[in-house]
Amino acid sequence: MPNDLEIMQEMVKEDLELMNEIILEDMLPLIQFREQLERKEFEKAFKEMKKLEEEV
């Protein structure tokens, strides 16, 4: 019969597996979307900077 420590370890393991699934399914796409937006903003600012440099 498992003791309390073994039961807790199994519960923690199950919780970590669930959290990993949540991160992969829900959080990762949001992080990737944010990175994509940041990259677009950077590219926009970089183009603007290059344009201003050409004017000088």
N, C-alpha and C. Protein backbone atom coordinates (compact mmCIF):
# COMPACT_ATOMS: atom_id res chain seq x y z
N MET A 1 0.85 -1.19 0.00
CA MET A 1 0.00 0.00 0.00
C MET A 1 0.89 1.25 0.00
N PRO A 2 0.62 2.20 -0.90
CA PRO A 2 1.46 3.40 -0.98
C PRO A 2 1.32 4.29 0.26
N ASN A 3 2.42 4.88 0.65
CA ASN A 3 2.36 5.79 1.79
C ASN A 3 2.01 7.20 1.31
N ASP A 4 1.88 8.11 2.25
CA ASP A 4 1.47 9.48 1.92
C ASP A 4 2.44 10.17 0.97
N LEU A 5 3.73 9.94 1.17
CA LEU A 5 4.73 10.56 0.31
C LEU A 5 4.59 10.09 -1.14
N GLU A 6 4.41 8.80 -1.31
CA GLU A 6 4.24 8.25 -2.66
C GLU A 6 2.98 8.79 -3.32
N ILE A 7 1.92 8.90 -2.55
CA ILE A 7 0.67 9.45 -3.07
C ILE A 7 0.87 10.90 -3.51
N MET A 8 1.54 11.68 -2.66
CA MET A 8 1.79 13.09 -3.00
C MET A 8 2.69 13.21 -4.23
N GLN A 9 3.70 12.37 -4.32
CA GLN A 9 4.59 12.40 -5.49
C GLN A 9 3.82 12.09 -6.77
N GLU A 10 2.93 11.13 -6.70
CA GLU A 10 2.12 10.79 -7.88
C GLU A 10 1.18 11.93 -8.25
N MET A 11 0.61 12.58 -7.24
CA MET A 11 -0.29 13.72 -7.50
C MET A 11 0.48 14.87 -8.15
N VAL A 12 1.68 15.13 -7.65
CA VAL A 12 2.51 16.20 -8.21
C VAL A 12 2.89 15.86 -9.65
N LYS A 13 3.24 14.62 -9.89
CA LYS A 13 3.59 14.18 -11.25
C LYS A 13 2.41 14.40 -12.20
N GLU A 14 1.22 14.02 -11.77
CA GLU A 14 0.02 14.21 -12.60
C GLU A 14 -0.25 15.69 -12.84
N ASP A 15 -0.08 16.51 -11.80
CA ASP A 15 -0.28 17.95 -11.95
C ASP A 15 0.72 18.55 -12.95
N LEU A 16 1.97 18.12 -12.87
CA LEU A 16 2.98 18.63 -13.80
C LEU A 16 2.68 18.23 -15.24
N GLU A 17 2.20 17.01 -15.42
CA GLU A 17 1.82 16.57 -16.77
C GLU A 17 0.67 17.41 -17.30
N LEU A 18 -0.30 17.69 -16.46
CA LEU A 18 -1.44 18.52 -16.86
C LEU A 18 -0.99 19.94 -17.19
N MET A 19 -0.13 20.50 -16.36
CA MET A 19 0.38 21.85 -16.61
C MET A 19 1.16 21.90 -17.92
N ASN A 20 1.92 20.86 -18.21
CA ASN A 20 2.68 20.80 -19.46
C ASN A 20 1.73 20.80 -20.66
N GLU A 21 0.64 20.04 -20.57
CA GLU A 21 -0.35 20.02 -21.65
C GLU A 21 -0.98 21.40 -21.84
N ILE A 22 -1.31 22.05 -20.74
CA ILE A 22 -1.93 23.38 -20.81
C ILE A 22 -0.97 24.36 -21.46
N ILE A 23 0.29 24.31 -21.07
CA ILE A 23 1.29 25.22 -21.65
C ILE A 23 1.41 24.98 -23.15
N LEU A 24 1.51 23.72 -23.55
CA LEU A 24 1.67 23.41 -24.97
C LEU A 24 0.45 23.81 -25.79
N GLU A 25 -0.75 23.59 -25.24
CA GLU A 25 -1.97 23.84 -26.00
C GLU A 25 -2.43 25.29 -25.94
N ASP A 26 -2.26 25.93 -24.81
CA ASP A 26 -2.84 27.27 -24.63
C ASP A 26 -1.80 28.39 -24.61
N MET A 27 -0.74 28.20 -23.86
CA MET A 27 0.21 29.29 -23.67
C MET A 27 1.18 29.44 -24.83
N LEU A 28 1.69 28.34 -25.36
CA LEU A 28 2.69 28.41 -26.42
C LEU A 28 2.18 29.18 -27.65
N PRO A 29 0.96 28.90 -28.13
CA PRO A 29 0.47 29.70 -29.27
C PRO A 29 0.38 31.19 -28.96
N LEU A 30 0.01 31.54 -27.74
CA LEU A 30 -0.06 32.96 -27.36
C LEU A 30 1.32 33.59 -27.34
N ILE A 31 2.29 32.87 -26.83
CA ILE A 31 3.67 33.38 -26.80
C ILE A 31 4.18 33.57 -28.21
N GLN A 32 3.92 32.59 -29.08
CA GLN A 32 4.37 32.69 -30.47
C GLN A 32 3.70 33.85 -31.17
N PHE A 33 2.41 34.08 -30.90
CA PHE A 33 1.69 35.20 -31.51
C PHE A 33 2.30 36.53 -31.06
N ARG A 34 2.59 36.63 -29.77
CA ARG A 34 3.21 37.86 -29.25
C ARG A 34 4.57 38.10 -29.89
N GLU A 35 5.36 37.05 -30.02
CA GLU A 35 6.66 37.20 -30.67
C GLU A 35 6.52 37.64 -32.12
N GLN A 36 5.51 37.13 -32.80
CA GLN A 36 5.26 37.52 -34.19
C GLN A 36 4.90 39.00 -34.27
N LEU A 37 4.06 39.46 -33.35
CA LEU A 37 3.69 40.88 -33.33
C LEU A 37 4.90 41.75 -33.04
N GLU A 38 5.72 41.33 -32.08
CA GLU A 38 6.92 42.09 -31.74
C GLU A 38 7.87 42.16 -32.93
N ARG A 39 8.00 41.06 -33.66
CA ARG A 39 8.88 41.03 -34.83
C ARG A 39 8.37 41.99 -35.90
N LYS A 40 7.05 42.02 -36.11
CA LYS A 40 6.47 42.93 -37.10
C LYS A 40 6.70 44.39 -36.70
N GLU A 41 6.53 44.69 -35.43
CA GLU A 41 6.76 46.06 -34.95
C GLU A 41 8.23 46.44 -35.11
N PHE A 42 9.13 45.51 -34.80
CA PHE A 42 10.55 45.78 -34.97
C PHE A 42 10.87 46.07 -36.43
N GLU A 43 10.35 45.22 -37.32
CA GLU A 43 10.62 45.41 -38.75
C GLU A 43 10.07 46.75 -39.23
N LYS A 44 8.91 47.13 -38.74
CA LYS A 44 8.31 48.42 -39.11
C LYS A 44 9.21 49.57 -38.65
N ALA A 45 9.67 49.50 -37.39
CA ALA A 45 10.53 50.55 -36.85
C ALA A 45 11.87 50.58 -37.58
N PHE A 46 12.40 49.41 -37.93
CA PHE A 46 13.67 49.34 -38.64
C PHE A 46 13.56 49.99 -40.02
N LYS A 47 12.46 49.70 -40.73
CA LYS A 47 12.25 50.31 -42.04
C LYS A 47 12.13 51.82 -41.93
N GLU A 48 11.43 52.28 -40.89
CA GLU A 48 11.28 53.72 -40.68
C GLU A 48 12.64 54.36 -40.40
N MET A 49 13.46 53.69 -39.59
CA MET A 49 14.79 54.21 -39.28
C MET A 49 15.64 54.29 -40.55
N LYS A 50 15.59 53.25 -41.38
CA LYS A 50 16.36 53.25 -42.63
C LYS A 50 15.90 54.39 -43.54
N LYS A 51 14.60 54.61 -43.59
CA LYS A 51 14.05 55.69 -44.42
C LYS A 51 14.57 57.04 -43.93
N LEU A 52 14.57 57.24 -42.62
CA LEU A 52 15.06 58.49 -42.05
C LEU A 52 16.55 58.66 -42.30
N GLU A 53 17.31 57.57 -42.23
CA GLU A 53 18.74 57.65 -42.51
C GLU A 53 19.00 58.07 -43.95
N GLU A 54 18.19 57.58 -44.86
CA GLU A 54 18.35 57.93 -46.27
C GLU A 54 18.06 59.41 -46.52
N GLU A 55 17.16 59.96 -45.73
CA GLU A 55 16.79 61.37 -45.89
C GLU A 55 17.90 62.30 -45.39
N VAL A 56 18.71 61.82 -44.48
CA VAL A 56 19.75 62.66 -43.88
C VAL A 56 20.94 62.80 -44.75
